[in-house]
Amino acid sequence: MEQLIVISAIGGDRTGVVHDLTQIILDCGGSIKDSRMTALGEEFAMLLLVSGNWHSVSRMEQDLTRFARDKGLVVQLKRTQSRQPSKELLPYAIEVVCLDQLGIVHNLAGFFAGRSVEIVEVTTRSYPAAHTGTTMFSVQMFINIPSEIHIAVLREEFMEFCDQLNLDAIMEPVKNT
């Protein structure tokens, strides 16, 4: 029977850290089902959903704990279950670009939480604007909208909300490829 484990690992950004950690997963008989990995400042962060049988997941728990201790990483492991959708949800993508300011992600999360819209994924990035060097901020979100919510009304409310905060935004359905 398939077992699932969530692995989070944070440590100094060094060449080979992804290779080393994924080698342990492979050696234990695990398979990466979903992952996010990125450099954050001088640290490297990984978040993985890994599957395997009971024995391979147990072995990963032991081997990754030892690996973390030896390599100076902070690793957390949590067994989980497959996610089951609770109702019909419509997947949408959100993109926001604006001048960097406090509370952007918080405000976006509050807007969607207040309307019972599930946030599935958030990616943010700061970068200097071309020509001026002004710090810009971009947000990409994937959300699940309950089917009983009227999309046109939600889109209009979202665009008004973004206008009030001076955010350039796009909201569009996720296209299956």
N, C-alpha and C. Protein backbone atom coordinates (compact mmCIF):
# COMPACT_ATOMS: atom_id res chain seq x y z
N MET A 1 0.84 -1.18 0.00
CA MET A 1 0.00 0.00 0.00
C MET A 1 0.88 1.24 0.00
N GLU A 2 0.53 2.21 -0.84
CA GLU A 2 1.33 3.43 -0.96
C GLU A 2 1.22 4.28 0.31
N GLN A 3 2.37 4.68 0.79
CA GLN A 3 2.48 5.60 1.93
C GLN A 3 3.00 6.92 1.39
N LEU A 4 2.61 8.02 2.04
CA LEU A 4 3.09 9.34 1.63
C LEU A 4 3.77 10.03 2.80
N ILE A 5 4.82 10.76 2.49
CA ILE A 5 5.52 11.55 3.50
C ILE A 5 5.87 12.91 2.92
N VAL A 6 5.68 13.94 3.72
CA VAL A 6 6.09 15.28 3.34
C VAL A 6 7.45 15.53 3.98
N ILE A 7 8.38 16.01 3.18
CA ILE A 7 9.74 16.29 3.65
C ILE A 7 10.02 17.76 3.43
N SER A 8 10.40 18.47 4.49
CA SER A 8 10.89 19.83 4.31
C SER A 8 12.33 19.85 4.78
N ALA A 9 13.17 20.51 4.01
CA ALA A 9 14.60 20.58 4.34
C ALA A 9 15.11 21.98 4.03
N ILE A 10 15.85 22.53 4.98
CA ILE A 10 16.44 23.86 4.80
C ILE A 10 17.88 23.79 5.28
N GLY A 11 18.76 24.36 4.46
CA GLY A 11 20.16 24.39 4.85
C GLY A 11 20.93 25.32 3.94
N GLY A 12 22.20 25.47 4.21
CA GLY A 12 23.05 26.34 3.41
C GLY A 12 22.99 25.94 1.94
N ASP A 13 22.94 26.96 1.07
CA ASP A 13 22.89 26.72 -0.37
C ASP A 13 24.27 26.26 -0.83
N ARG A 14 24.34 24.99 -1.20
CA ARG A 14 25.60 24.43 -1.68
C ARG A 14 25.33 23.54 -2.88
N THR A 15 26.29 23.46 -3.76
CA THR A 15 26.18 22.59 -4.92
C THR A 15 26.02 21.15 -4.46
N GLY A 16 25.04 20.45 -5.03
CA GLY A 16 24.88 19.04 -4.75
C GLY A 16 23.86 18.69 -3.68
N VAL A 17 23.29 19.69 -3.00
CA VAL A 17 22.36 19.37 -1.91
C VAL A 17 21.12 18.66 -2.44
N VAL A 18 20.61 19.07 -3.60
CA VAL A 18 19.44 18.39 -4.18
C VAL A 18 19.81 16.96 -4.56
N HIS A 19 20.95 16.79 -5.18
CA HIS A 19 21.41 15.46 -5.57
C HIS A 19 21.53 14.55 -4.36
N ASP A 20 22.16 15.04 -3.29
CA ASP A 20 22.38 14.22 -2.10
C ASP A 20 21.06 13.80 -1.45
N LEU A 21 20.14 14.73 -1.28
CA LEU A 21 18.87 14.40 -0.63
C LEU A 21 18.03 13.46 -1.50
N THR A 22 17.98 13.74 -2.79
CA THR A 22 17.18 12.87 -3.68
C THR A 22 17.81 11.49 -3.83
N GLN A 23 19.12 11.38 -3.65
CA GLN A 23 19.78 10.06 -3.68
C GLN A 23 19.29 9.20 -2.52
N ILE A 24 19.13 9.81 -1.36
CA ILE A 24 18.62 9.05 -0.20
C ILE A 24 17.20 8.56 -0.49
N ILE A 25 16.38 9.44 -1.05
CA ILE A 25 15.00 9.05 -1.38
C ILE A 25 15.02 7.88 -2.36
N LEU A 26 15.84 7.96 -3.38
CA LEU A 26 15.94 6.89 -4.37
C LEU A 26 16.46 5.59 -3.74
N ASP A 27 17.52 5.70 -2.94
CA ASP A 27 18.09 4.51 -2.31
C ASP A 27 17.10 3.81 -1.38
N CYS A 28 16.19 4.58 -0.80
CA CYS A 28 15.19 4.00 0.12
C CYS A 28 13.98 3.45 -0.64
N GLY A 29 13.92 3.67 -1.95
CA GLY A 29 12.79 3.18 -2.74
C GLY A 29 11.64 4.16 -2.83
N GLY A 30 11.92 5.44 -2.52
CA GLY A 30 10.88 6.46 -2.59
C GLY A 30 10.79 7.09 -3.96
N SER A 31 9.64 7.70 -4.23
CA SER A 31 9.40 8.38 -5.50
C SER A 31 8.84 9.77 -5.21
N ILE A 32 9.47 10.79 -5.78
CA ILE A 32 9.00 12.16 -5.58
C ILE A 32 7.76 12.39 -6.42
N LYS A 33 6.66 12.73 -5.76
CA LYS A 33 5.39 12.97 -6.45
C LYS A 33 5.17 14.45 -6.74
N ASP A 34 5.66 15.31 -5.86
CA ASP A 34 5.48 16.75 -6.00
C ASP A 34 6.60 17.42 -5.22
N SER A 35 7.11 18.54 -5.72
CA SER A 35 8.19 19.21 -4.98
C SER A 35 8.29 20.67 -5.35
N ARG A 36 8.87 21.41 -4.44
CA ARG A 36 9.25 22.81 -4.64
C ARG A 36 10.64 22.94 -4.04
N MET A 37 11.56 23.51 -4.78
CA MET A 37 12.92 23.70 -4.29
C MET A 37 13.40 25.06 -4.78
N THR A 38 14.04 25.82 -3.87
CA THR A 38 14.49 27.15 -4.26
C THR A 38 15.55 27.67 -3.31
N ALA A 39 16.40 28.56 -3.84
CA ALA A 39 17.35 29.28 -3.01
C ALA A 39 16.62 30.49 -2.42
N LEU A 40 16.77 30.66 -1.11
CA LEU A 40 16.19 31.80 -0.40
C LEU A 40 17.32 32.44 0.38
N GLY A 41 17.81 33.58 -0.12
CA GLY A 41 18.99 34.18 0.48
C GLY A 41 20.15 33.21 0.33
N GLU A 42 20.86 32.95 1.41
CA GLU A 42 21.98 32.00 1.37
C GLU A 42 21.56 30.59 1.77
N GLU A 43 20.27 30.37 1.90
CA GLU A 43 19.75 29.04 2.26
C GLU A 43 19.09 28.41 1.04
N PHE A 44 18.97 27.09 1.09
CA PHE A 44 18.25 26.35 0.06
C PHE A 44 17.13 25.62 0.76
N ALA A 45 15.92 25.73 0.23
CA ALA A 45 14.75 25.11 0.86
C ALA A 45 14.11 24.12 -0.10
N MET A 46 13.70 22.99 0.45
CA MET A 46 13.04 21.95 -0.34
C MET A 46 11.78 21.52 0.40
N LEU A 47 10.73 21.32 -0.37
CA LEU A 47 9.48 20.79 0.15
C LEU A 47 9.05 19.71 -0.83
N LEU A 48 8.95 18.47 -0.36
CA LEU A 48 8.68 17.34 -1.24
C LEU A 48 7.57 16.47 -0.69
N LEU A 49 6.76 15.94 -1.59
CA LEU A 49 5.81 14.89 -1.27
C LEU A 49 6.38 13.63 -1.91
N VAL A 50 6.66 12.62 -1.08
CA VAL A 50 7.32 11.41 -1.54
C VAL A 50 6.44 10.21 -1.22
N SER A 51 6.40 9.27 -2.15
CA SER A 51 5.62 8.05 -1.93
C SER A 51 6.56 6.85 -1.86
N GLY A 52 6.05 5.82 -1.23
CA GLY A 52 6.78 4.56 -1.14
C GLY A 52 5.95 3.58 -0.33
N ASN A 53 6.45 2.37 -0.20
CA ASN A 53 5.76 1.43 0.67
C ASN A 53 6.12 1.73 2.12
N TRP A 54 5.52 0.99 3.05
CA TRP A 54 5.74 1.26 4.46
C TRP A 54 7.22 1.18 4.81
N HIS A 55 7.90 0.16 4.32
CA HIS A 55 9.32 -0.04 4.63
C HIS A 55 10.17 1.12 4.09
N SER A 56 9.94 1.54 2.85
CA SER A 56 10.77 2.60 2.27
C SER A 56 10.55 3.94 2.98
N VAL A 57 9.33 4.21 3.39
CA VAL A 57 9.07 5.47 4.11
C VAL A 57 9.72 5.44 5.49
N SER A 58 9.66 4.31 6.17
CA SER A 58 10.31 4.18 7.48
C SER A 58 11.82 4.35 7.34
N ARG A 59 12.38 3.77 6.31
CA ARG A 59 13.82 3.89 6.07
C ARG A 59 14.20 5.34 5.75
N MET A 60 13.35 6.04 4.95
CA MET A 60 13.62 7.45 4.66
C MET A 60 13.64 8.28 5.94
N GLU A 61 12.69 8.01 6.83
CA GLU A 61 12.64 8.76 8.09
C GLU A 61 13.97 8.64 8.84
N GLN A 62 14.52 7.44 8.90
CA GLN A 62 15.79 7.23 9.60
C GLN A 62 16.96 7.85 8.84
N ASP A 63 17.05 7.56 7.54
CA ASP A 63 18.21 8.00 6.76
C ASP A 63 18.23 9.52 6.59
N LEU A 64 17.08 10.14 6.41
CA LEU A 64 17.05 11.60 6.25
C LEU A 64 17.35 12.32 7.56
N THR A 65 16.95 11.74 8.67
CA THR A 65 17.28 12.32 9.98
C THR A 65 18.80 12.29 10.18
N ARG A 66 19.42 11.18 9.85
CA ARG A 66 20.88 11.05 9.95
C ARG A 66 21.57 12.02 8.98
N PHE A 67 21.07 12.09 7.74
CA PHE A 67 21.63 12.99 6.73
C PHE A 67 21.57 14.44 7.21
N ALA A 68 20.44 14.84 7.77
CA ALA A 68 20.27 16.21 8.26
C ALA A 68 21.29 16.53 9.34
N ARG A 69 21.46 15.62 10.26
CA ARG A 69 22.41 15.81 11.36
C ARG A 69 23.84 15.94 10.80
N ASP A 70 24.21 15.09 9.86
CA ASP A 70 25.56 15.10 9.30
C ASP A 70 25.85 16.32 8.43
N LYS A 71 24.83 16.83 7.74
CA LYS A 71 25.03 17.93 6.78
C LYS A 71 24.58 19.29 7.30
N GLY A 72 24.09 19.35 8.53
CA GLY A 72 23.69 20.64 9.09
C GLY A 72 22.41 21.19 8.49
N LEU A 73 21.50 20.31 8.12
CA LEU A 73 20.21 20.73 7.56
C LEU A 73 19.14 20.66 8.64
N VAL A 74 18.10 21.45 8.47
CA VAL A 74 16.91 21.32 9.29
C VAL A 74 15.91 20.56 8.44
N VAL A 75 15.57 19.35 8.88
CA VAL A 75 14.65 18.49 8.13
C VAL A 75 13.47 18.13 9.01
N GLN A 76 12.28 18.26 8.45
CA GLN A 76 11.07 17.82 9.12
C GLN A 76 10.38 16.81 8.23
N LEU A 77 9.84 15.77 8.84
CA LEU A 77 9.17 14.71 8.12
C LEU A 77 7.78 14.53 8.71
N LYS A 78 6.80 14.37 7.83
CA LYS A 78 5.43 14.18 8.31
C LYS A 78 4.71 13.24 7.35
N ARG A 79 4.21 12.16 7.90
CA ARG A 79 3.41 11.25 7.07
C ARG A 79 2.07 11.92 6.79
N THR A 80 1.52 11.62 5.61
CA THR A 80 0.26 12.24 5.21
C THR A 80 -0.55 11.26 4.38
N GLN A 81 -1.69 11.70 3.93
CA GLN A 81 -2.60 10.91 3.09
C GLN A 81 -2.79 11.66 1.77
N SER A 82 -3.28 10.96 0.76
CA SER A 82 -3.64 11.63 -0.49
C SER A 82 -4.76 12.62 -0.22
N ARG A 83 -4.70 13.74 -0.89
CA ARG A 83 -5.71 14.77 -0.72
C ARG A 83 -6.94 14.42 -1.53
N GLN A 84 -8.08 14.45 -0.88
CA GLN A 84 -9.34 14.16 -1.54
C GLN A 84 -10.14 15.45 -1.66
N PRO A 85 -10.52 15.82 -2.89
CA PRO A 85 -11.32 17.04 -3.04
C PRO A 85 -12.65 16.89 -2.31
N SER A 86 -13.05 17.96 -1.60
CA SER A 86 -14.27 17.88 -0.80
C SER A 86 -15.52 18.25 -1.60
N LYS A 87 -15.34 18.96 -2.70
CA LYS A 87 -16.49 19.36 -3.52
C LYS A 87 -15.96 19.76 -4.89
N GLU A 88 -16.86 20.11 -5.77
CA GLU A 88 -16.42 20.54 -7.09
C GLU A 88 -15.75 21.91 -6.99
N LEU A 89 -14.52 21.94 -7.44
CA LEU A 89 -13.72 23.16 -7.38
C LEU A 89 -13.23 23.52 -8.77
N LEU A 90 -13.20 24.81 -9.06
CA LEU A 90 -12.73 25.29 -10.35
C LEU A 90 -11.33 25.87 -10.16
N PRO A 91 -10.32 25.30 -10.83
CA PRO A 91 -8.95 25.79 -10.66
C PRO A 91 -8.70 27.08 -11.47
N TYR A 92 -8.16 28.10 -10.80
CA TYR A 92 -7.84 29.37 -11.43
C TYR A 92 -6.42 29.76 -11.08
N ALA A 93 -5.81 30.53 -11.97
CA ALA A 93 -4.47 31.08 -11.75
C ALA A 93 -4.59 32.59 -11.55
N ILE A 94 -3.82 33.10 -10.62
CA ILE A 94 -3.78 34.52 -10.31
C ILE A 94 -2.35 34.99 -10.52
N GLU A 95 -2.20 36.12 -11.19
CA GLU A 95 -0.88 36.75 -11.30
C GLU A 95 -1.03 38.21 -10.89
N VAL A 96 -0.14 38.65 -10.02
CA VAL A 96 -0.17 40.02 -9.52
C VAL A 96 1.24 40.59 -9.64
N VAL A 97 1.34 41.82 -10.11
CA VAL A 97 2.62 42.54 -10.16
C VAL A 97 2.36 43.94 -9.61
N CYS A 98 3.30 44.42 -8.78
CA CYS A 98 3.13 45.75 -8.19
C CYS A 98 4.45 46.25 -7.64
N LEU A 99 4.45 47.50 -7.22
CA LEU A 99 5.58 48.01 -6.46
C LEU A 99 5.60 47.25 -5.14
N ASP A 100 6.80 46.92 -4.68
CA ASP A 100 6.89 46.18 -3.43
C ASP A 100 6.33 47.02 -2.29
N GLN A 101 5.47 46.40 -1.50
CA GLN A 101 4.85 47.06 -0.35
C GLN A 101 4.51 46.01 0.69
N LEU A 102 4.34 46.44 1.92
CA LEU A 102 4.02 45.51 3.00
C LEU A 102 2.63 44.91 2.83
N GLY A 103 2.50 43.63 3.17
CA GLY A 103 1.20 43.00 3.30
C GLY A 103 0.54 42.51 2.03
N ILE A 104 1.24 42.42 0.93
CA ILE A 104 0.61 42.02 -0.33
C ILE A 104 0.03 40.61 -0.22
N VAL A 105 0.85 39.65 0.18
CA VAL A 105 0.38 38.27 0.26
C VAL A 105 -0.72 38.15 1.32
N HIS A 106 -0.53 38.82 2.44
CA HIS A 106 -1.54 38.80 3.50
C HIS A 106 -2.88 39.32 3.00
N ASN A 107 -2.86 40.43 2.27
CA ASN A 107 -4.10 41.01 1.76
C ASN A 107 -4.77 40.10 0.73
N LEU A 108 -3.98 39.51 -0.17
CA LEU A 108 -4.54 38.59 -1.15
C LEU A 108 -5.14 37.37 -0.46
N ALA A 109 -4.42 36.82 0.52
CA ALA A 109 -4.92 35.65 1.25
C ALA A 109 -6.22 35.99 1.97
N GLY A 110 -6.30 37.18 2.55
CA GLY A 110 -7.52 37.61 3.24
C GLY A 110 -8.69 37.75 2.29
N PHE A 111 -8.43 38.28 1.10
CA PHE A 111 -9.49 38.42 0.10
C PHE A 111 -10.10 37.05 -0.22
N PHE A 112 -9.24 36.08 -0.51
CA PHE A 112 -9.74 34.76 -0.91
C PHE A 112 -10.34 34.00 0.28
N ALA A 113 -9.72 34.08 1.45
CA ALA A 113 -10.26 33.40 2.63
C ALA A 113 -11.65 33.92 2.97
N GLY A 114 -11.86 35.21 2.81
CA GLY A 114 -13.15 35.81 3.09
C GLY A 114 -14.25 35.35 2.15
N ARG A 115 -13.89 34.72 1.07
CA ARG A 115 -14.85 34.23 0.08
C ARG A 115 -14.82 32.71 -0.02
N SER A 116 -14.19 32.05 0.94
CA SER A 116 -14.09 30.58 0.99
C SER A 116 -13.42 29.99 -0.25
N VAL A 117 -12.46 30.73 -0.80
CA VAL A 117 -11.68 30.25 -1.94
C VAL A 117 -10.38 29.66 -1.41
N GLU A 118 -10.08 28.44 -1.80
CA GLU A 118 -8.91 27.72 -1.32
C GLU A 118 -7.66 28.13 -2.10
N ILE A 119 -6.61 28.48 -1.38
CA ILE A 119 -5.32 28.77 -2.02
C ILE A 119 -4.54 27.46 -2.05
N VAL A 120 -4.13 27.05 -3.24
CA VAL A 120 -3.43 25.79 -3.43
C VAL A 120 -1.92 26.00 -3.43
N GLU A 121 -1.48 27.10 -4.03
CA GLU A 121 -0.04 27.35 -4.17
C GLU A 121 0.20 28.85 -4.31
N VAL A 122 1.30 29.32 -3.71
CA VAL A 122 1.70 30.72 -3.82
C VAL A 122 3.20 30.77 -4.10
N THR A 123 3.59 31.55 -5.09
CA THR A 123 5.00 31.81 -5.38
C THR A 123 5.17 33.32 -5.47
N THR A 124 6.18 33.86 -4.79
CA THR A 124 6.43 35.30 -4.85
C THR A 124 7.88 35.55 -5.21
N ARG A 125 8.12 36.76 -5.69
CA ARG A 125 9.49 37.12 -6.07
C ARG A 125 9.62 38.63 -6.06
N SER A 126 10.71 39.15 -5.52
CA SER A 126 11.06 40.56 -5.61
C SER A 126 12.13 40.71 -6.67
N TYR A 127 12.08 41.82 -7.40
CA TYR A 127 13.08 42.04 -8.44
C TYR A 127 13.15 43.53 -8.77
N PRO A 128 14.28 44.00 -9.29
CA PRO A 128 14.38 45.41 -9.67
C PRO A 128 13.71 45.65 -11.03
N ALA A 129 12.95 46.73 -11.11
CA ALA A 129 12.29 47.08 -12.39
C ALA A 129 13.35 47.49 -13.40
N ALA A 130 13.08 47.15 -14.65
CA ALA A 130 13.98 47.55 -15.74
C ALA A 130 14.03 49.08 -15.78
N HIS A 131 15.15 49.62 -16.08
CA HIS A 131 15.40 51.04 -16.26
C HIS A 131 15.44 51.83 -14.95
N THR A 132 14.49 51.65 -14.04
CA THR A 132 14.45 52.46 -12.81
C THR A 132 15.11 51.79 -11.62
N GLY A 133 15.10 50.46 -11.58
CA GLY A 133 15.66 49.75 -10.45
C GLY A 133 14.73 49.69 -9.25
N THR A 134 13.53 50.25 -9.37
CA THR A 134 12.55 50.22 -8.28
C THR A 134 12.21 48.77 -7.95
N THR A 135 12.07 48.47 -6.67
CA THR A 135 11.76 47.09 -6.28
C THR A 135 10.32 46.76 -6.60
N MET A 136 10.16 45.73 -7.41
CA MET A 136 8.85 45.23 -7.80
C MET A 136 8.59 43.91 -7.07
N PHE A 137 7.33 43.51 -7.04
CA PHE A 137 6.93 42.28 -6.37
C PHE A 137 5.94 41.56 -7.25
N SER A 138 6.15 40.27 -7.46
CA SER A 138 5.20 39.49 -8.24
C SER A 138 4.70 38.31 -7.41
N VAL A 139 3.44 37.97 -7.64
CA VAL A 139 2.79 36.86 -6.94
C VAL A 139 2.10 36.00 -7.99
N GLN A 140 2.34 34.70 -7.91
CA GLN A 140 1.58 33.75 -8.71
C GLN A 140 0.86 32.84 -7.72
N MET A 141 -0.43 32.67 -7.95
CA MET A 141 -1.24 31.83 -7.07
C MET A 141 -2.05 30.87 -7.91
N PHE A 142 -2.27 29.70 -7.36
CA PHE A 142 -3.28 28.80 -7.89
C PHE A 142 -4.33 28.67 -6.81
N ILE A 143 -5.57 28.86 -7.21
CA ILE A 143 -6.68 28.81 -6.27
C ILE A 143 -7.73 27.83 -6.77
N ASN A 144 -8.55 27.34 -5.86
CA ASN A 144 -9.70 26.50 -6.20
C ASN A 144 -10.96 27.24 -5.77
N ILE A 145 -11.80 27.53 -6.73
CA ILE A 145 -13.03 28.28 -6.46
C ILE A 145 -14.19 27.29 -6.37
N PRO A 146 -14.94 27.32 -5.26
CA PRO A 146 -16.12 26.44 -5.16
C PRO A 146 -17.08 26.73 -6.32
N SER A 147 -17.65 25.66 -6.88
CA SER A 147 -18.49 25.80 -8.07
C SER A 147 -19.72 26.65 -7.85
N GLU A 148 -20.14 26.82 -6.59
CA GLU A 148 -21.34 27.64 -6.35
C GLU A 148 -21.04 29.15 -6.38
N ILE A 149 -19.77 29.53 -6.42
CA ILE A 149 -19.42 30.96 -6.50
C ILE A 149 -19.52 31.41 -7.95
N HIS A 150 -20.16 32.52 -8.18
CA HIS A 150 -20.31 33.08 -9.52
C HIS A 150 -18.98 33.72 -9.92
N ILE A 151 -18.34 33.17 -10.93
CA ILE A 151 -16.99 33.58 -11.33
C ILE A 151 -16.94 35.06 -11.73
N ALA A 152 -17.91 35.52 -12.49
CA ALA A 152 -17.89 36.92 -12.95
C ALA A 152 -17.94 37.89 -11.77
N VAL A 153 -18.72 37.56 -10.76
CA VAL A 153 -18.81 38.42 -9.57
C VAL A 153 -17.48 38.40 -8.82
N LEU A 154 -16.93 37.21 -8.62
CA LEU A 154 -15.64 37.09 -7.93
C LEU A 154 -14.56 37.85 -8.68
N ARG A 155 -14.52 37.71 -10.00
CA ARG A 155 -13.50 38.39 -10.81
C ARG A 155 -13.64 39.91 -10.67
N GLU A 156 -14.86 40.40 -10.72
CA GLU A 156 -15.09 41.85 -10.59
C GLU A 156 -14.65 42.34 -9.20
N GLU A 157 -15.02 41.62 -8.15
CA GLU A 157 -14.60 42.00 -6.79
C GLU A 157 -13.08 41.97 -6.66
N PHE A 158 -12.45 40.96 -7.26
CA PHE A 158 -11.00 40.83 -7.19
C PHE A 158 -10.31 42.00 -7.90
N MET A 159 -10.80 42.35 -9.07
CA MET A 159 -10.18 43.44 -9.81
C MET A 159 -10.37 44.78 -9.08
N GLU A 160 -11.51 45.00 -8.47
CA GLU A 160 -11.72 46.21 -7.67
C GLU A 160 -10.79 46.24 -6.47
N PHE A 161 -10.66 45.10 -5.81
CA PHE A 161 -9.75 44.96 -4.67
C PHE A 161 -8.32 45.30 -5.10
N CYS A 162 -7.88 44.75 -6.22
CA CYS A 162 -6.52 45.02 -6.71
C CYS A 162 -6.35 46.48 -7.10
N ASP A 163 -7.34 47.09 -7.71
CA ASP A 163 -7.27 48.51 -8.05
C ASP A 163 -7.08 49.37 -6.79
N GLN A 164 -7.79 49.02 -5.71
CA GLN A 164 -7.68 49.78 -4.47
C GLN A 164 -6.27 49.70 -3.89
N LEU A 165 -5.59 48.57 -4.10
CA LEU A 165 -4.23 48.39 -3.57
C LEU A 165 -3.15 48.71 -4.61
N ASN A 166 -3.56 49.17 -5.78
CA ASN A 166 -2.64 49.50 -6.87
C ASN A 166 -1.82 48.27 -7.31
N LEU A 167 -2.54 47.17 -7.51
CA LEU A 167 -1.94 45.92 -7.98
C LEU A 167 -2.41 45.63 -9.40
N ASP A 168 -1.50 45.32 -10.29
CA ASP A 168 -1.87 44.84 -11.62
C ASP A 168 -2.12 43.35 -11.49
N ALA A 169 -3.29 42.88 -11.94
CA ALA A 169 -3.65 41.48 -11.71
C ALA A 169 -4.34 40.85 -12.91
N ILE A 170 -4.16 39.54 -12.99
CA ILE A 170 -4.85 38.70 -13.98
C ILE A 170 -5.43 37.52 -13.22
N MET A 171 -6.66 37.16 -13.57
CA MET A 171 -7.30 35.98 -13.00
C MET A 171 -7.88 35.20 -14.18
N GLU A 172 -7.38 33.96 -14.36
CA GLU A 172 -7.84 33.16 -15.49
C GLU A 172 -7.91 31.70 -15.11
N PRO A 173 -8.78 30.95 -15.81
CA PRO A 173 -8.87 29.52 -15.51
C PRO A 173 -7.57 28.81 -15.86
N VAL A 174 -7.27 27.78 -15.09
CA VAL A 174 -6.09 26.96 -15.37
C VAL A 174 -6.43 26.12 -16.59
N LYS A 175 -5.55 26.15 -17.56
CA LYS A 175 -5.76 25.40 -18.79
C LYS A 175 -5.09 24.05 -18.65
N ASN A 176 -5.83 23.00 -18.90
CA ASN A 176 -5.26 21.66 -18.90
C ASN A 176 -4.54 21.43 -20.21
N THR A 177 -3.31 20.96 -20.12
CA THR A 177 -2.53 20.72 -21.34
C THR A 177 -2.41 19.25 -21.63
